[in-house]
C-alpha atoms as a PDB file:
ATOM      1  CA  MET A   1      -0.683   0.802 -30.772  1.00  0.00           C
ATOM      2  CA  ASN A   2      -4.349   0.215 -29.832  1.00  0.00           C
ATOM      3  CA  ALA A   3      -5.805  -0.155 -26.366  1.00  0.00           C
ATOM      4  CA  THR A   4      -6.356  -3.925 -26.726  1.00  0.00           C
ATOM      5  CA  ARG A   5      -2.665  -4.492 -27.503  1.00  0.00           C
ATOM      6  CA  ALA A   6      -1.638  -2.269 -24.589  1.00  0.00           C
ATOM      7  CA  LEU A   7      -3.933  -4.248 -22.276  1.00  0.00           C
ATOM      8  CA  GLN A   8      -2.447  -7.543 -23.468  1.00  0.00           C
ATOM      9  CA  ASP A   9       1.076  -6.236 -22.914  1.00  0.00           C
ATOM     10  CA  SER A  10       0.116  -5.053 -19.421  1.00  0.00           C
ATOM     11  CA  ALA A  11      -1.224  -8.531 -18.632  1.00  0.00           C
ATOM     12  CA  THR A  12       2.085 -10.027 -19.803  1.00  0.00           C
ATOM     13  CA  MET A  13       4.036  -7.659 -17.567  1.00  0.00           C
ATOM     14  CA  LEU A  14       1.694  -8.464 -14.681  1.00  0.00           C
ATOM     15  CA  ASP A  15       2.358 -12.193 -15.148  1.00  0.00           C
ATOM     16  CA  ARG A  16       6.111 -11.516 -15.205  1.00  0.00           C
ATOM     17  CA  ASN A  17       6.006  -9.507 -11.988  1.00  0.00           C
ATOM     18  CA  ILE A  18       3.876 -12.090 -10.181  1.00  0.00           C
ATOM     19  CA  ARG A  19       6.373 -14.792 -11.139  1.00  0.00           C
ATOM     20  CA  HIS A  20       9.246 -12.654  -9.871  1.00  0.00           C
ATOM     21  CA  THR A  21       7.444 -12.118  -6.562  1.00  0.00           C
ATOM     22  CA  LEU A  22       6.798 -15.831  -6.072  1.00  0.00           C
ATOM     23  CA  ARG A  23      10.446 -16.629  -6.805  1.00  0.00           C
ATOM     24  CA  SER A  24      11.865 -13.934  -4.495  1.00  0.00           C
ATOM     25  CA  PRO A  25      12.277 -15.023  -0.838  1.00  0.00           C
ATOM     26  CA  ASP A  26      12.855 -11.421   0.277  1.00  0.00           C
ATOM     27  CA  THR A  27       9.648 -10.214  -1.331  1.00  0.00           C
ATOM     28  CA  MET A  28       7.642 -13.129   0.040  1.00  0.00           C
ATOM     29  CA  ILE A  29       8.914 -12.417   3.557  1.00  0.00           C
ATOM     30  CA  MET A  30       8.081  -8.727   3.202  1.00  0.00           C
ATOM     31  CA  THR A  31       4.695  -9.571   1.712  1.00  0.00           C
ATOM     32  CA  VAL A  32       3.431 -12.372   3.953  1.00  0.00           C
ATOM     33  CA  VAL A  33       5.624 -12.989   7.003  1.00  0.00           C
ATOM     34  CA  LEU A  34       6.416  -9.417   8.088  1.00  0.00           C
ATOM     35  CA  PRO A  35       2.757  -8.258   8.217  1.00  0.00           C
ATOM     36  CA  VAL A  36       1.839 -11.194  10.471  1.00  0.00           C
ATOM     37  CA  VAL A  37       4.851 -10.538  12.732  1.00  0.00           C
ATOM     38  CA  ILE A  38       3.871  -6.862  13.051  1.00  0.00           C
ATOM     39  CA  LEU A  39       0.324  -7.884  13.967  1.00  0.00           C
ATOM     40  CA  LEU A  40       1.563 -10.307  16.641  1.00  0.00           C
ATOM     41  CA  MET A  41       3.962  -7.722  18.038  1.00  0.00           C
ATOM     42  CA  PHE A  42       1.367  -4.994  18.458  1.00  0.00           C
ATOM     43  CA  VAL A  43      -1.297  -7.315  19.866  1.00  0.00           C
ATOM     44  CA  PHE A  44       0.831  -9.279  22.322  1.00  0.00           C
ATOM     45  CA  VAL A  45       3.769  -6.969  23.109  1.00  0.00           C
ATOM     46  CA  PHE A  46       2.216  -3.479  23.066  1.00  0.00           C
ATOM     47  CA  GLY A  47      -1.478  -4.283  23.368  1.00  0.00           C
ATOM     48  CA  GLY A  48      -1.544  -4.610  27.131  1.00  0.00           C
ATOM     49  CA  ALA A  49      -0.143  -1.095  27.592  1.00  0.00           C
ATOM     50  CA  MET A  50      -2.478   0.656  25.155  1.00  0.00           C
ATOM     51  CA  ASP A  51      -5.627   2.440  26.327  1.00  0.00           C
ATOM     52  CA  VAL A  52      -7.985   2.961  23.412  1.00  0.00           C
ATOM     53  CA  GLY A  53     -11.248   3.060  25.329  1.00  0.00           C
ATOM     54  CA  PRO A  54     -13.916   0.357  25.315  1.00  0.00           C
ATOM     55  CA  GLY A  55     -13.324  -2.814  23.365  1.00  0.00           C
ATOM     56  CA  ALA A  56     -10.308  -5.038  22.796  1.00  0.00           C
ATOM     57  CA  TYR A  57      -7.114  -3.477  21.470  1.00  0.00           C
ATOM     58  CA  ILE A  58      -6.976  -5.982  18.616  1.00  0.00           C
ATOM     59  CA  ASP A  59     -10.294  -4.639  17.315  1.00  0.00           C
ATOM     60  CA  TYR A  60      -8.866  -1.134  17.338  1.00  0.00           C
ATOM     61  CA  VAL A  61      -5.448  -1.876  15.854  1.00  0.00           C
ATOM     62  CA  VAL A  62      -6.191  -4.283  12.987  1.00  0.00           C
ATOM     63  CA  PRO A  63      -7.289  -1.567  10.477  1.00  0.00           C
ATOM     64  CA  GLY A  64      -4.040   0.287  11.154  1.00  0.00           C
ATOM     65  CA  ILE A  65      -1.945  -2.870  10.822  1.00  0.00           C
ATOM     66  CA  VAL A  66      -3.577  -3.667   7.495  1.00  0.00           C
ATOM     67  CA  LEU A  67      -2.811  -0.181   6.207  1.00  0.00           C
ATOM     68  CA  LEU A  68       0.755  -0.292   7.518  1.00  0.00           C
ATOM     69  CA  CYS A  69       1.300  -3.591   5.706  1.00  0.00           C
ATOM     70  CA  ALA A  70      -0.177  -2.116   2.539  1.00  0.00           C
ATOM     71  CA  GLY A  71       2.430   0.637   2.778  1.00  0.00           C
ATOM     72  CA  PHE A  72       5.194  -1.951   3.177  1.00  0.00           C
ATOM     73  CA  GLY A  73       3.866  -3.851   0.189  1.00  0.00           C
ATOM     74  CA  ALA A  74       3.541  -0.816  -2.048  1.00  0.00           C
ATOM     75  CA  SER A  75       7.105   0.230  -1.255  1.00  0.00           C
ATOM     76  CA  THR A  76       8.425  -2.958  -2.864  1.00  0.00           C
ATOM     77  CA  THR A  77       7.151  -1.602  -6.185  1.00  0.00           C
ATOM     78  CA  ALA A  78       9.787   1.136  -6.052  1.00  0.00           C
ATOM     79  CA  LEU A  79      12.492  -1.432  -5.358  1.00  0.00           C
ATOM     80  CA  ALA A  80      11.329  -3.761  -8.137  1.00  0.00           C
ATOM     81  CA  LEU A  81      11.129  -0.990 -10.738  1.00  0.00           C
ATOM     82  CA  SER A  82      14.489   0.482  -9.724  1.00  0.00           C
ATOM     83  CA  THR A  83      16.029  -2.990  -9.991  1.00  0.00           C
ATOM     84  CA  ASP A  84      14.627  -3.372 -13.497  1.00  0.00           C
ATOM     85  CA  VAL A  85      16.256  -0.070 -14.459  1.00  0.00           C
ATOM     86  CA  ALA A  86      19.587  -0.956 -12.832  1.00  0.00           C
ATOM     87  CA  GLU A  87      19.731  -4.390 -14.472  1.00  0.00           C
ATOM     88  CA  GLY A  88      18.974  -2.980 -17.920  1.00  0.00           C
ATOM     89  CA  ILE A  89      15.740  -4.886 -18.523  1.00  0.00           C
ATOM     90  CA  ILE A  90      13.925  -1.598 -19.204  1.00  0.00           C
ATOM     91  CA  ASP A  91      16.323  -0.965 -22.112  1.00  0.00           C
ATOM     92  CA  ARG A  92      15.578  -4.469 -23.365  1.00  0.00           C
ATOM     93  CA  PHE A  93      11.836  -3.833 -23.221  1.00  0.00           C
ATOM     94  CA  ARG A  94      12.369  -0.604 -25.171  1.00  0.00           C
ATOM     95  CA  THR A  95      13.672  -2.590 -28.154  1.00  0.00           C
ATOM     96  CA  MET A  96      10.599  -4.841 -28.172  1.00  0.00           C
ATOM     97  CA  ALA A  97       7.233  -4.208 -29.813  1.00  0.00           C
ATOM     98  CA  ILE A  98       5.316  -3.651 -26.578  1.00  0.00           C
ATOM     99  CA  ALA A  99       3.418  -0.717 -25.158  1.00  0.00           C
ATOM    100  CA  ARG A 100       5.815   1.264 -22.955  1.00  0.00           C
ATOM    101  CA  SER A 101       3.024   1.953 -20.481  1.00  0.00           C
ATOM    102  CA  ALA A 102       2.703  -1.805 -19.876  1.00  0.00           C
ATOM    103  CA  VAL A 103       5.891  -1.863 -17.805  1.00  0.00           C
ATOM    104  CA  LEU A 104       4.472   0.570 -15.254  1.00  0.00           C
ATOM    105  CA  THR A 105       0.916  -0.752 -15.242  1.00  0.00           C
ATOM    106  CA  GLY A 106       2.228  -4.301 -14.793  1.00  0.00           C
ATOM    107  CA  HIS A 107       4.137  -3.304 -11.664  1.00  0.00           C
ATOM    108  CA  VAL A 108       1.217  -1.338 -10.216  1.00  0.00           C
ATOM    109  CA  ALA A 109      -1.336  -4.074 -10.930  1.00  0.00           C
ATOM    110  CA  GLU A 110       0.899  -6.697  -9.306  1.00  0.00           C
ATOM    111  CA  SER A 111       1.263  -4.469  -6.249  1.00  0.00           C
ATOM    112  CA  VAL A 112      -2.504  -4.100  -5.849  1.00  0.00           C
ATOM    113  CA  ILE A 113      -3.152  -7.846  -6.209  1.00  0.00           C
ATOM    114  CA  ARG A 114      -0.306  -8.802  -3.864  1.00  0.00           C
ATOM    115  CA  ASN A 115      -1.373  -6.340  -1.196  1.00  0.00           C
ATOM    116  CA  LEU A 116      -5.031  -7.332  -1.281  1.00  0.00           C
ATOM    117  CA  ILE A 117      -4.007 -10.965  -0.778  1.00  0.00           C
ATOM    118  CA  THR A 118      -1.700  -9.942   2.072  1.00  0.00           C
ATOM    119  CA  SER A 119      -4.493  -7.906   3.674  1.00  0.00           C
ATOM    120  CA  ALA A 120      -6.803 -10.914   3.534  1.00  0.00           C
ATOM    121  CA  ILE A 121      -4.113 -13.067   5.201  1.00  0.00           C
ATOM    122  CA  VAL A 122      -3.530 -10.496   7.964  1.00  0.00           C
ATOM    123  CA  ILE A 123      -7.263 -10.158   8.634  1.00  0.00           C
ATOM    124  CA  GLY A 124      -7.615 -13.946   8.682  1.00  0.00           C
ATOM    125  CA  VAL A 125      -4.801 -14.279  11.258  1.00  0.00           C
ATOM    126  CA  ALA A 126      -6.340 -11.440  13.281  1.00  0.00           C
ATOM    127  CA  VAL A 127      -9.688 -13.241  13.369  1.00  0.00           C
ATOM    128  CA  ALA A 128      -7.907 -16.352  14.648  1.00  0.00           C
ATOM    129  CA  LEU A 129      -6.369 -14.195  17.405  1.00  0.00           C
ATOM    130  CA  GLY A 130      -9.703 -12.746  18.495  1.00  0.00           C
ATOM    131  CA  PHE A 131     -10.482  -9.912  16.078  1.00  0.00           C
ATOM    132  CA  ARG A 132     -14.256  -9.652  15.761  1.00  0.00           C
ATOM    133  CA  PRO A 133     -15.392  -7.287  12.994  1.00  0.00           C
ATOM    134  CA  THR A 134     -19.063  -6.287  13.026  1.00  0.00           C
ATOM    135  CA  THR A 135     -19.255  -5.698   9.294  1.00  0.00           C
ATOM    136  CA  ASP A 136     -21.522  -7.212   6.636  1.00  0.00           C
ATOM    137  CA  PRO A 137     -20.740  -8.466   3.097  1.00  0.00           C
ATOM    138  CA  LEU A 138     -21.366  -5.062   1.503  1.00  0.00           C
ATOM    139  CA  ARG A 139     -19.019  -3.351   3.945  1.00  0.00           C
ATOM    140  CA  TRP A 140     -16.399  -6.037   3.362  1.00  0.00           C
ATOM    141  CA  LEU A 141     -16.475  -5.030  -0.296  1.00  0.00           C
ATOM    142  CA  GLY A 142     -16.026  -1.451   0.835  1.00  0.00           C
ATOM    143  CA  VAL A 143     -13.002  -2.453   2.933  1.00  0.00           C
ATOM    144  CA  PHE A 144     -11.234  -4.030  -0.012  1.00  0.00           C
ATOM    145  CA  ALA A 145     -12.257  -1.161  -2.297  1.00  0.00           C
ATOM    146  CA  VAL A 146     -10.687   1.363   0.082  1.00  0.00           C
ATOM    147  CA  LEU A 147      -7.562  -0.795   0.417  1.00  0.00           C
ATOM    148  CA  ALA A 148      -7.308  -1.193  -3.356  1.00  0.00           C
ATOM    149  CA  MET A 149      -7.677   2.578  -3.803  1.00  0.00           C
ATOM    150  CA  PHE A 150      -4.990   3.281  -1.213  1.00  0.00           C
ATOM    151  CA  VAL A 151      -2.518   0.705  -2.556  1.00  0.00           C
ATOM    152  CA  PHE A 152      -3.177   1.810  -6.152  1.00  0.00           C
ATOM    153  CA  ALA A 153      -2.302   5.401  -5.231  1.00  0.00           C
ATOM    154  CA  LEU A 154       0.788   4.443  -3.217  1.00  0.00           C
ATOM    155  CA  SER A 155       1.979   2.071  -5.926  1.00  0.00           C
ATOM    156  CA  TRP A 156       1.984   4.818  -8.554  1.00  0.00           C
ATOM    157  CA  LEU A 157       3.892   7.078  -6.181  1.00  0.00           C
ATOM    158  CA  ALA A 158       6.303   4.224  -5.439  1.00  0.00           C
ATOM    159  CA  ALA A 159       6.793   3.673  -9.174  1.00  0.00           C
ATOM    160  CA  ALA A 160       7.762   7.323  -9.562  1.00  0.00           C
ATOM    161  CA  LEU A 161      10.195   7.094  -6.644  1.00  0.00           C
ATOM    162  CA  GLY A 162      11.687   3.907  -8.062  1.00  0.00           C
ATOM    163  CA  LEU A 163      12.379   5.642 -11.364  1.00  0.00           C
ATOM    164  CA  LEU A 164      13.726   8.729  -9.609  1.00  0.00           C
ATOM    165  CA  ALA A 165      16.137   6.805  -7.369  1.00  0.00           C
ATOM    166  CA  PRO A 166      19.701   6.352  -8.682  1.00  0.00           C
ATOM    167  CA  ASN A 167      19.836   2.744  -7.462  1.00  0.00           C
ATOM    168  CA  PRO A 168      17.651   0.120  -5.708  1.00  0.00           C
ATOM    169  CA  GLU A 169      19.093   0.933  -2.283  1.00  0.00           C
ATOM    170  CA  ALA A 170      18.075   4.569  -2.666  1.00  0.00           C
ATOM    171  CA  ALA A 171      14.619   3.509  -3.866  1.00  0.00           C
ATOM    172  CA  ASN A 172      14.180   1.549  -0.668  1.00  0.00           C
ATOM    173  CA  GLY A 173      15.099   4.628   1.353  1.00  0.00           C
ATOM    174  CA  PHE A 174      12.828   6.940  -0.642  1.00  0.00           C
ATOM    175  CA  THR A 175       9.771   4.933   0.416  1.00  0.00           C
ATOM    176  CA  PHE A 176      10.534   5.165   4.140  1.00  0.00           C
ATOM    177  CA  VAL A 177       7.685   7.662   4.516  1.00  0.00           C
ATOM    178  CA  PHE A 178       5.223   4.886   3.558  1.00  0.00           C
ATOM    179  CA  MET A 179       6.179   3.025   6.730  1.00  0.00           C
ATOM    180  CA  PHE A 180       6.496   6.107   8.930  1.00  0.00           C
ATOM    181  CA  LEU A 181       3.153   7.858   8.380  1.00  0.00           C
ATOM    182  CA  PRO A 182       0.908   5.137   9.909  1.00  0.00           C
ATOM    183  CA  TYR A 183       2.791   5.439  13.193  1.00  0.00           C
ATOM    184  CA  VAL A 184       1.860   9.133  13.405  1.00  0.00           C
ATOM    185  CA  SER A 185      -1.849   8.585  12.799  1.00  0.00           C
ATOM    186  CA  SER A 186      -4.829   6.989  14.511  1.00  0.00           C
ATOM    187  CA  ALA A 187      -3.543   3.520  13.579  1.00  0.00           C
ATOM    188  CA  PHE A 188      -2.298   2.458  17.002  1.00  0.00           C
ATOM    189  CA  VAL A 189      -3.597   5.040  19.493  1.00  0.00           C
ATOM    190  CA  PRO A 190      -6.282   7.753  19.303  1.00  0.00           C
ATOM    191  CA  THR A 191      -4.887  11.033  18.012  1.00  0.00           C
ATOM    192  CA  SER A 192      -6.421  12.756  21.059  1.00  0.00           C
ATOM    193  CA  SER A 193      -3.700  11.173  23.217  1.00  0.00           C
ATOM    194  CA  MET A 194      -0.944  12.975  21.282  1.00  0.00           C
ATOM    195  CA  PRO A 195       0.603  16.392  22.032  1.00  0.00           C
ATOM    196  CA  THR A 196      -1.246  19.308  20.421  1.00  0.00           C
ATOM    197  CA  TRP A 197       1.229  19.884  17.590  1.00  0.00           C
ATOM    198  CA  LEU A 198       1.454  16.174  16.769  1.00  0.00           C
ATOM    199  CA  HIS A 199      -2.306  15.759  17.068  1.00  0.00           C
ATOM    200  CA  TRP A 200      -2.788  18.371  14.333  1.00  0.00           C
ATOM    201  CA  PHE A 201      -0.399  16.559  12.009  1.00  0.00           C
ATOM    202  CA  ALA A 202      -1.916  13.148  12.747  1.00  0.00           C
ATOM    203  CA  GLU A 203      -5.416  14.429  12.028  1.00  0.00           C
ATOM    204  CA  ASN A 204      -4.471  16.137   8.753  1.00  0.00           C
ATOM    205  CA  GLN A 205      -2.176  13.646   7.073  1.00  0.00           C
ATOM    206  CA  PRO A 206      -3.476  11.217   4.407  1.00  0.00           C
ATOM    207  CA  VAL A 207      -3.312   7.961   6.386  1.00  0.00           C
ATOM    208  CA  THR A 208      -5.684   8.861   9.226  1.00  0.00           C
ATOM    209  CA  PRO A 209      -8.885   9.292   7.157  1.00  0.00           C
ATOM    210  CA  VAL A 210      -8.167   6.027   5.334  1.00  0.00           C
ATOM    211  CA  ILE A 211      -7.725   4.203   8.658  1.00  0.00           C
ATOM    212  CA  GLU A 212     -10.864   5.752  10.143  1.00  0.00           C
ATOM    213  CA  THR A 213     -12.823   4.732   7.047  1.00  0.00           C
ATOM    214  CA  LEU A 214     -11.560   1.149   7.321  1.00  0.00           C
ATOM    215  CA  ARG A 215     -12.233   1.088  11.070  1.00  0.00           C
ATOM    216  CA  GLY A 216     -15.766   2.343  10.500  1.00  0.00           C
ATOM    217  CA  LEU A 217     -16.445  -0.268   7.830  1.00  0.00           C
ATOM    218  CA  LEU A 218     -14.994  -3.099   9.928  1.00  0.00           C
ATOM    219  CA  MET A 219     -16.119  -2.134  13.426  1.00  0.00           C
ATOM    220  CA  GLY A 220     -19.101   0.157  12.894  1.00  0.00           C
ATOM    221  CA  THR A 221     -17.430   3.261  14.360  1.00  0.00           C
ATOM    222  CA  PRO A 222     -18.449   6.675  12.941  1.00  0.00           C
ATOM    223  CA  ILE A 223     -16.922   7.394   9.547  1.00  0.00           C
ATOM    224  CA  SER A 224     -18.185  10.967   9.188  1.00  0.00           C
ATOM    225  CA  ASN A 225     -16.495  12.692   6.229  1.00  0.00           C
ATOM    226  CA  ASN A 226     -13.371  10.542   6.472  1.00  0.00           C
ATOM    227  CA  TRP A 227     -14.362   8.524   3.404  1.00  0.00           C
ATOM    228  CA  ILE A 228     -14.432  11.723   1.344  1.00  0.00           C
ATOM    229  CA  LEU A 229     -11.039  12.821   2.659  1.00  0.00           C
ATOM    230  CA  ALA A 230      -9.654   9.338   2.026  1.00  0.00           C
ATOM    231  CA  ALA A 231     -10.885   9.393  -1.574  1.00  0.00           C
ATOM    232  CA  VAL A 232      -9.481  12.882  -2.170  1.00  0.00           C
ATOM    233  CA  TRP A 233      -6.088  12.021  -0.685  1.00  0.00           C
ATOM    234  CA  CYS A 234      -5.841   8.772  -2.663  1.00  0.00           C
ATOM    235  CA  ALA A 235      -6.896  10.461  -5.896  1.00  0.00           C
ATOM    236  CA  GLY A 236      -4.354  13.238  -5.399  1.00  0.00           C
ATOM    237  CA  ILE A 237      -1.501  10.901  -4.492  1.00  0.00           C
ATOM    238  CA  GLY A 238      -2.371   8.496  -7.294  1.00  0.00           C
ATOM    239  CA  LEU A 239      -2.603  11.243  -9.927  1.00  0.00           C
ATOM    240  CA  ALA A 240       0.660  12.841  -8.824  1.00  0.00           C
ATOM    241  CA  GLY A 241       2.399   9.455  -8.830  1.00  0.00           C
ATOM    242  CA  TYR A 242       0.962   8.512 -12.224  1.00  0.00           C
ATOM    243  CA  LEU A 243       2.018  11.772 -13.874  1.00  0.00           C
ATOM    244  CA  ALA A 244       5.470  11.738 -12.283  1.00  0.00           C
ATOM    245  CA  ALA A 245       6.077   8.060 -13.115  1.00  0.00           C
ATOM    246  CA  GLY A 246       4.985   8.586 -16.704  1.00  0.00           C
ATOM    247  CA  ALA A 247       7.245  11.599 -17.157  1.00  0.00           C
ATOM    248  CA  LEU A 248      10.254   9.878 -15.563  1.00  0.00           C
ATOM    249  CA  PHE A 249       9.700   6.710 -17.574  1.00  0.00           C
ATOM    250  CA  ARG A 250       9.463   8.640 -20.850  1.00  0.00           C
ATOM    251  CA  ARG A 251      12.667  10.464 -19.992  1.00  0.00           C
ATOM    252  CA  GLN A 252      14.508   7.216 -19.261  1.00  0.00           C
ATOM    253  CA  THR A 253      13.229   5.412 -22.366  1.00  0.00           C
ATOM    254  CA  ARG A 254      13.596   8.282 -24.783  1.00  0.00           C
ATOM    255  CA  ALA A 255      15.443   7.127 -27.862  1.00  0.00           C
END
């Protein structure tokens, strides 16, 4: 099967997954409503108690909120793929003349598109609440490129976890780390305010350099080598997820 046919099949799977998302109230709430609620909670409930130095807390926290929401969004890929396996649709696809890789690429592509739209909504709401980024059009492109890279990597990892999980409920639990890591990073408070042992972890886990890169692009804070670390982490996570998802999918669809 040639590359053009595989691309066409991937586009068909992408269209299917987008339709499923639009018709699923749970997914729409997780995708659109929950990110906005999280933003409102951190700005209005916790914001007054947070000391992040000069500037408004909303300017500090928005990059972290966007990344947290991207993690929530990517985790739904595991649930969607595990549901497909549990309901037998993967076995149905196996009997059809389509590229097997299209099933995975369709889920990952839908995740990236959905999360970029969600990120734009969250940033738009944040601007209405007083968020004032100092970025320019070129840096805005950089923001969405970094977000796309991060979500792409997480989505492949989520796809692998969805195939590994014995059922959709387990798949949901497997992706808990996606929601946990941003809390132990520089997303909501500076890592310097944390205990020494936690500070080390927060500084050396994959989410912090991505957040610092986004914060630098949006607010003009120093990025230093965080963009390199972010790219390396995303490439490593994405490659590991891609290889694991491919191997698990081949095992499940082996004749």
